[in-house]
């Protein structure tokens, strides 16, 4: 039986990818393009839109290079998880979530040239996004925590304080 190195990378990577794919399949089969279902009216809706760019519709129409960038990131992260140096659990989680989000949006770009977005927070006028975007942000948050953790977990000095 093959044992995965860094299960805290692979479990969120595969679990997140499955959640992203299932949510997008649900949206595409249950909604018409631009259809919106209010969950909490004027605050949060499910609204089916397509984004041919990156975050906040940057680089709209640039899906040909974005699709390759997504998979290049995923390939690099998979190699890092398989052969890279020792990682903390929060680093594994962070890179795993980023892998899932990049792969999920990359699949959309390869399949249809645009990404399915549907999470619509209207209270703060935020762009419509998807589960893959949430996963990427969770991953970045995990990495920030991982990199900042040494700052607040320094060992205490054994010297008595000066009086």
C-alpha atoms as a PDB file:
ATOM      1  CA  UNK A   1       0.000   0.000   0.000  1.00  0.00           C
ATOM      2  CA  UNK A   2       1.330   3.410  -0.976  1.00  0.00           C
ATOM      3  CA  UNK A   3       1.557   5.922   1.856  1.00  0.00           C
ATOM      4  CA  UNK A   4       1.134   9.608   1.048  1.00  0.00           C
ATOM      5  CA  UNK A   5       3.726  11.959   2.383  1.00  0.00           C
ATOM      6  CA  UNK A   6       2.032  14.905   4.074  1.00  0.00           C
ATOM      7  CA  UNK A   7      -1.598  13.804   4.395  1.00  0.00           C
ATOM      8  CA  UNK A   8      -2.418  17.289   5.741  1.00  0.00           C
ATOM      9  CA  UNK A   9      -1.634  18.502   2.196  1.00  0.00           C
ATOM     10  CA  UNK A  10      -3.414  15.782   0.223  1.00  0.00           C
ATOM     11  CA  UNK A  11      -6.635  15.544   2.266  1.00  0.00           C
ATOM     12  CA  UNK A  12      -7.584  19.239   1.861  1.00  0.00           C
ATOM     13  CA  UNK A  13      -6.266  19.201  -1.724  1.00  0.00           C
ATOM     14  CA  UNK A  14      -8.536  16.331  -2.778  1.00  0.00           C
ATOM     15  CA  UNK A  15     -11.423  17.140  -0.425  1.00  0.00           C
ATOM     16  CA  UNK A  16     -11.435  20.793  -1.452  1.00  0.00           C
ATOM     17  CA  UNK A  17     -11.305  19.898  -5.134  1.00  0.00           C
ATOM     18  CA  UNK A  18     -14.285  17.558  -4.735  1.00  0.00           C
ATOM     19  CA  UNK A  19     -16.304  20.222  -2.868  1.00  0.00           C
ATOM     20  CA  UNK A  20     -15.468  22.809  -5.522  1.00  0.00           C
ATOM     21  CA  UNK A  21     -16.415  20.529  -8.424  1.00  0.00           C
ATOM     22  CA  UNK A  22     -19.672  19.380  -6.807  1.00  0.00           C
ATOM     23  CA  UNK A  23     -20.729  22.950  -5.995  1.00  0.00           C
ATOM     24  CA  UNK A  24     -20.051  24.107  -9.557  1.00  0.00           C
ATOM     25  CA  UNK A  25     -21.895  21.120 -11.058  1.00  0.00           C
ATOM     26  CA  UNK A  26     -24.852  21.964  -8.819  1.00  0.00           C
ATOM     27  CA  UNK A  27     -24.856  25.625  -9.901  1.00  0.00           C
ATOM     28  CA  UNK A  28     -24.571  24.854 -13.626  1.00  0.00           C
ATOM     29  CA  UNK A  29     -27.386  22.268 -13.505  1.00  0.00           C
ATOM     30  CA  UNK A  30     -29.789  24.192 -11.238  1.00  0.00           C
ATOM     31  CA  UNK A  31     -29.324  27.818 -12.385  1.00  0.00           C
ATOM     32  CA  UNK A  32     -29.605  29.750 -15.598  1.00  0.00           C
ATOM     33  CA  UNK A  33     -26.687  32.082 -16.292  1.00  0.00           C
ATOM     34  CA  UNK A  34     -27.158  35.299 -14.226  1.00  0.00           C
ATOM     35  CA  UNK A  35     -29.988  33.741 -12.218  1.00  0.00           C
ATOM     36  CA  UNK A  36     -29.864  34.666  -8.542  1.00  0.00           C
ATOM     37  CA  UNK A  37     -31.372  32.988  -5.477  1.00  0.00           C
ATOM     38  CA  UNK A  38     -31.498  35.138  -2.360  1.00  0.00           C
ATOM     39  CA  UNK A  39     -30.386  33.184   0.700  1.00  0.00           C
ATOM     40  CA  UNK A  40     -30.428  36.293   2.896  1.00  0.00           C
ATOM     41  CA  UNK A  41     -32.005  39.025   0.742  1.00  0.00           C
ATOM     42  CA  UNK A  42     -29.733  41.996   0.021  1.00  0.00           C
ATOM     43  CA  UNK A  43     -26.915  40.324   1.992  1.00  0.00           C
ATOM     44  CA  UNK A  44     -26.043  36.934   0.443  1.00  0.00           C
ATOM     45  CA  UNK A  45     -27.278  35.319  -2.767  1.00  0.00           C
ATOM     46  CA  UNK A  46     -26.324  32.417  -4.990  1.00  0.00           C
ATOM     47  CA  UNK A  47     -25.832  34.100  -8.377  1.00  0.00           C
ATOM     48  CA  UNK A  48     -24.528  32.146 -11.356  1.00  0.00           C
ATOM     49  CA  UNK A  49     -21.982  34.129 -13.370  1.00  0.00           C
ATOM     50  CA  UNK A  50     -18.922  33.267 -15.432  1.00  0.00           C
ATOM     51  CA  UNK A  51     -15.521  34.925 -15.094  1.00  0.00           C
ATOM     52  CA  UNK A  52     -13.051  34.683 -17.965  1.00  0.00           C
ATOM     53  CA  UNK A  53     -10.343  36.440 -15.956  1.00  0.00           C
ATOM     54  CA  UNK A  54      -8.664  36.001 -12.604  1.00  0.00           C
ATOM     55  CA  UNK A  55      -9.703  37.397  -9.219  1.00  0.00           C
ATOM     56  CA  UNK A  56     -11.946  40.488  -9.457  1.00  0.00           C
ATOM     57  CA  UNK A  57     -12.169  39.836 -13.236  1.00  0.00           C
ATOM     58  CA  UNK A  58      -8.574  40.954 -13.732  1.00  0.00           C
ATOM     59  CA  UNK A  59      -7.157  39.825 -17.083  1.00  0.00           C
ATOM     60  CA  UNK A  60     -10.647  39.147 -18.500  1.00  0.00           C
ATOM     61  CA  UNK A  61     -10.373  37.145 -21.664  1.00  0.00           C
ATOM     62  CA  UNK A  62      -6.940  35.896 -20.632  1.00  0.00           C
ATOM     63  CA  UNK A  63      -8.065  32.363 -19.889  1.00  0.00           C
ATOM     64  CA  UNK A  64      -5.592  30.715 -22.272  1.00  0.00           C
ATOM     65  CA  UNK A  65      -2.527  31.622 -20.201  1.00  0.00           C
ATOM     66  CA  UNK A  66      -4.444  31.517 -16.898  1.00  0.00           C
ATOM     67  CA  UNK A  67      -5.391  27.863 -17.462  1.00  0.00           C
ATOM     68  CA  UNK A  68      -1.736  26.950 -17.900  1.00  0.00           C
ATOM     69  CA  UNK A  69      -0.701  29.035 -14.900  1.00  0.00           C
ATOM     70  CA  UNK A  70      -3.253  27.195 -12.729  1.00  0.00           C
ATOM     71  CA  UNK A  71      -1.864  23.819 -13.677  1.00  0.00           C
ATOM     72  CA  UNK A  72       1.732  24.953 -13.405  1.00  0.00           C
ATOM     73  CA  UNK A  73       1.003  26.075  -9.828  1.00  0.00           C
ATOM     74  CA  UNK A  74      -0.683  22.725  -9.094  1.00  0.00           C
ATOM     75  CA  UNK A  75       2.189  20.749 -10.590  1.00  0.00           C
ATOM     76  CA  UNK A  76       4.703  22.755  -8.559  1.00  0.00           C
ATOM     77  CA  UNK A  77       2.723  22.284  -5.339  1.00  0.00           C
ATOM     78  CA  UNK A  78       2.348  18.535  -5.917  1.00  0.00           C
ATOM     79  CA  UNK A  79       6.107  18.179  -6.509  1.00  0.00           C
ATOM     80  CA  UNK A  80       6.773  20.292  -3.405  1.00  0.00           C
ATOM     81  CA  UNK A  81       4.447  18.073  -1.331  1.00  0.00           C
ATOM     82  CA  UNK A  82       6.014  14.896  -2.677  1.00  0.00           C
ATOM     83  CA  UNK A  83       9.709  15.772  -2.692  1.00  0.00           C
ATOM     84  CA  UNK A  84      10.102  19.111  -0.898  1.00  0.00           C
ATOM     85  CA  UNK A  85      11.507  19.876   2.519  1.00  0.00           C
ATOM     86  CA  UNK A  86       9.779  19.195   5.791  1.00  0.00           C
ATOM     87  CA  UNK A  87       6.572  21.224   6.232  1.00  0.00           C
ATOM     88  CA  UNK A  88       4.575  22.146   9.303  1.00  0.00           C
ATOM     89  CA  UNK A  89       0.932  21.089   9.456  1.00  0.00           C
ATOM     90  CA  UNK A  90      -0.257  24.653   8.733  1.00  0.00           C
ATOM     91  CA  UNK A  91       2.038  24.806   5.683  1.00  0.00           C
ATOM     92  CA  UNK A  92       0.659  21.483   4.455  1.00  0.00           C
ATOM     93  CA  UNK A  93      -2.907  22.720   4.914  1.00  0.00           C
ATOM     94  CA  UNK A  94      -2.120  26.033   3.235  1.00  0.00           C
ATOM     95  CA  UNK A  95      -0.500  24.516   0.183  1.00  0.00           C
ATOM     96  CA  UNK A  96      -3.222  21.838  -0.005  1.00  0.00           C
ATOM     97  CA  UNK A  97      -6.014  24.420  -0.021  1.00  0.00           C
ATOM     98  CA  UNK A  98      -4.206  26.497  -2.668  1.00  0.00           C
ATOM     99  CA  UNK A  99      -3.721  23.350  -4.778  1.00  0.00           C
ATOM    100  CA  UNK A 100      -7.455  22.552  -4.582  1.00  0.00           C
ATOM    101  CA  UNK A 101      -8.516  26.080  -5.523  1.00  0.00           C
ATOM    102  CA  UNK A 102      -6.030  26.453  -8.372  1.00  0.00           C
ATOM    103  CA  UNK A 103      -6.903  23.026  -9.766  1.00  0.00           C
ATOM    104  CA  UNK A 104     -10.663  23.645  -9.505  1.00  0.00           C
ATOM    105  CA  UNK A 105     -10.524  26.972 -11.324  1.00  0.00           C
ATOM    106  CA  UNK A 106      -7.979  25.573 -13.780  1.00  0.00           C
ATOM    107  CA  UNK A 107     -10.379  22.772 -14.724  1.00  0.00           C
ATOM    108  CA  UNK A 108     -13.100  25.349 -15.405  1.00  0.00           C
ATOM    109  CA  UNK A 109     -10.760  27.337 -17.644  1.00  0.00           C
ATOM    110  CA  UNK A 110      -9.702  24.250 -19.597  1.00  0.00           C
ATOM    111  CA  UNK A 111     -13.233  22.934 -19.941  1.00  0.00           C
ATOM    112  CA  UNK A 112     -15.093  26.131 -20.786  1.00  0.00           C
ATOM    113  CA  UNK A 113     -12.624  29.032 -20.927  1.00  0.00           C
ATOM    114  CA  UNK A 114     -14.161  30.688 -17.866  1.00  0.00           C
ATOM    115  CA  UNK A 115     -14.732  30.019 -14.180  1.00  0.00           C
ATOM    116  CA  UNK A 116     -18.134  29.341 -12.594  1.00  0.00           C
ATOM    117  CA  UNK A 117     -18.763  31.847  -9.779  1.00  0.00           C
ATOM    118  CA  UNK A 118     -21.840  31.892  -7.559  1.00  0.00           C
ATOM    119  CA  UNK A 119     -21.166  33.175  -4.008  1.00  0.00           C
ATOM    120  CA  UNK A 120     -22.572  36.708  -4.031  1.00  0.00           C
ATOM    121  CA  UNK A 121     -22.132  38.879  -0.908  1.00  0.00           C
ATOM    122  CA  UNK A 122     -24.149  41.977  -1.705  1.00  0.00           C
ATOM    123  CA  UNK A 123     -23.912  43.725   1.658  1.00  0.00           C
ATOM    124  CA  UNK A 124     -20.293  44.688   0.999  1.00  0.00           C
ATOM    125  CA  UNK A 125     -20.512  44.820  -2.827  1.00  0.00           C
ATOM    126  CA  UNK A 126     -17.886  42.114  -3.208  1.00  0.00           C
ATOM    127  CA  UNK A 127     -17.330  40.403  -6.595  1.00  0.00           C
ATOM    128  CA  UNK A 128     -19.069  37.044  -7.052  1.00  0.00           C
ATOM    129  CA  UNK A 129     -16.685  34.160  -6.279  1.00  0.00           C
ATOM    130  CA  UNK A 130     -16.638  30.374  -5.754  1.00  0.00           C
ATOM    131  CA  UNK A 131     -15.442  27.624  -3.383  1.00  0.00           C
ATOM    132  CA  UNK A 132     -12.050  27.439  -5.157  1.00  0.00           C
ATOM    133  CA  UNK A 133     -11.483  31.119  -4.372  1.00  0.00           C
ATOM    134  CA  UNK A 134     -12.371  30.487  -0.719  1.00  0.00           C
ATOM    135  CA  UNK A 135      -9.893  27.588  -0.636  1.00  0.00           C
ATOM    136  CA  UNK A 136      -7.099  29.732  -2.073  1.00  0.00           C
ATOM    137  CA  UNK A 137      -7.746  32.387   0.572  1.00  0.00           C
ATOM    138  CA  UNK A 138      -7.850  29.761   3.344  1.00  0.00           C
ATOM    139  CA  UNK A 139      -4.528  28.465   2.057  1.00  0.00           C
ATOM    140  CA  UNK A 140      -2.955  31.914   2.116  1.00  0.00           C
ATOM    141  CA  UNK A 141      -4.275  32.454   5.671  1.00  0.00           C
ATOM    142  CA  UNK A 142      -2.735  29.131   6.776  1.00  0.00           C
ATOM    143  CA  UNK A 143       0.609  30.120   5.255  1.00  0.00           C
ATOM    144  CA  UNK A 144       0.541  33.540   6.904  1.00  0.00           C
ATOM    145  CA  UNK A 145      -0.138  31.867  10.266  1.00  0.00           C
ATOM    146  CA  UNK A 146       2.656  29.398   9.612  1.00  0.00           C
ATOM    147  CA  UNK A 147       5.154  32.124   8.768  1.00  0.00           C
ATOM    148  CA  UNK A 148       4.127  34.373  11.680  1.00  0.00           C
ATOM    149  CA  UNK A 149       3.913  31.622  14.306  1.00  0.00           C
ATOM    150  CA  UNK A 150       7.643  31.817  15.197  1.00  0.00           C
ATOM    151  CA  UNK A 151       7.154  35.478  16.109  1.00  0.00           C
ATOM    152  CA  UNK A 152       4.691  34.711  18.897  1.00  0.00           C
ATOM    153  CA  UNK A 153       6.108  31.366  20.047  1.00  0.00           C
ATOM    154  CA  UNK A 154       9.658  32.435  20.845  1.00  0.00           C
ATOM    155  CA  UNK A 155      11.161  30.595  23.801  1.00  0.00           C
ATOM    156  CA  UNK A 156      11.390  32.708  26.905  1.00  0.00           C
ATOM    157  CA  UNK A 157      14.784  33.727  28.165  1.00  0.00           C
ATOM    158  CA  UNK A 158      16.044  31.934  31.253  1.00  0.00           C
ATOM    159  CA  UNK A 159      17.628  35.128  32.574  1.00  0.00           C
ATOM    160  CA  UNK A 160      15.790  36.877  35.388  1.00  0.00           C
ATOM    161  CA  UNK A 161      14.456  40.320  34.529  1.00  0.00           C
ATOM    162  CA  UNK A 162      16.564  43.331  35.444  1.00  0.00           C
ATOM    163  CA  UNK A 163      15.294  45.312  38.397  1.00  0.00           C
END
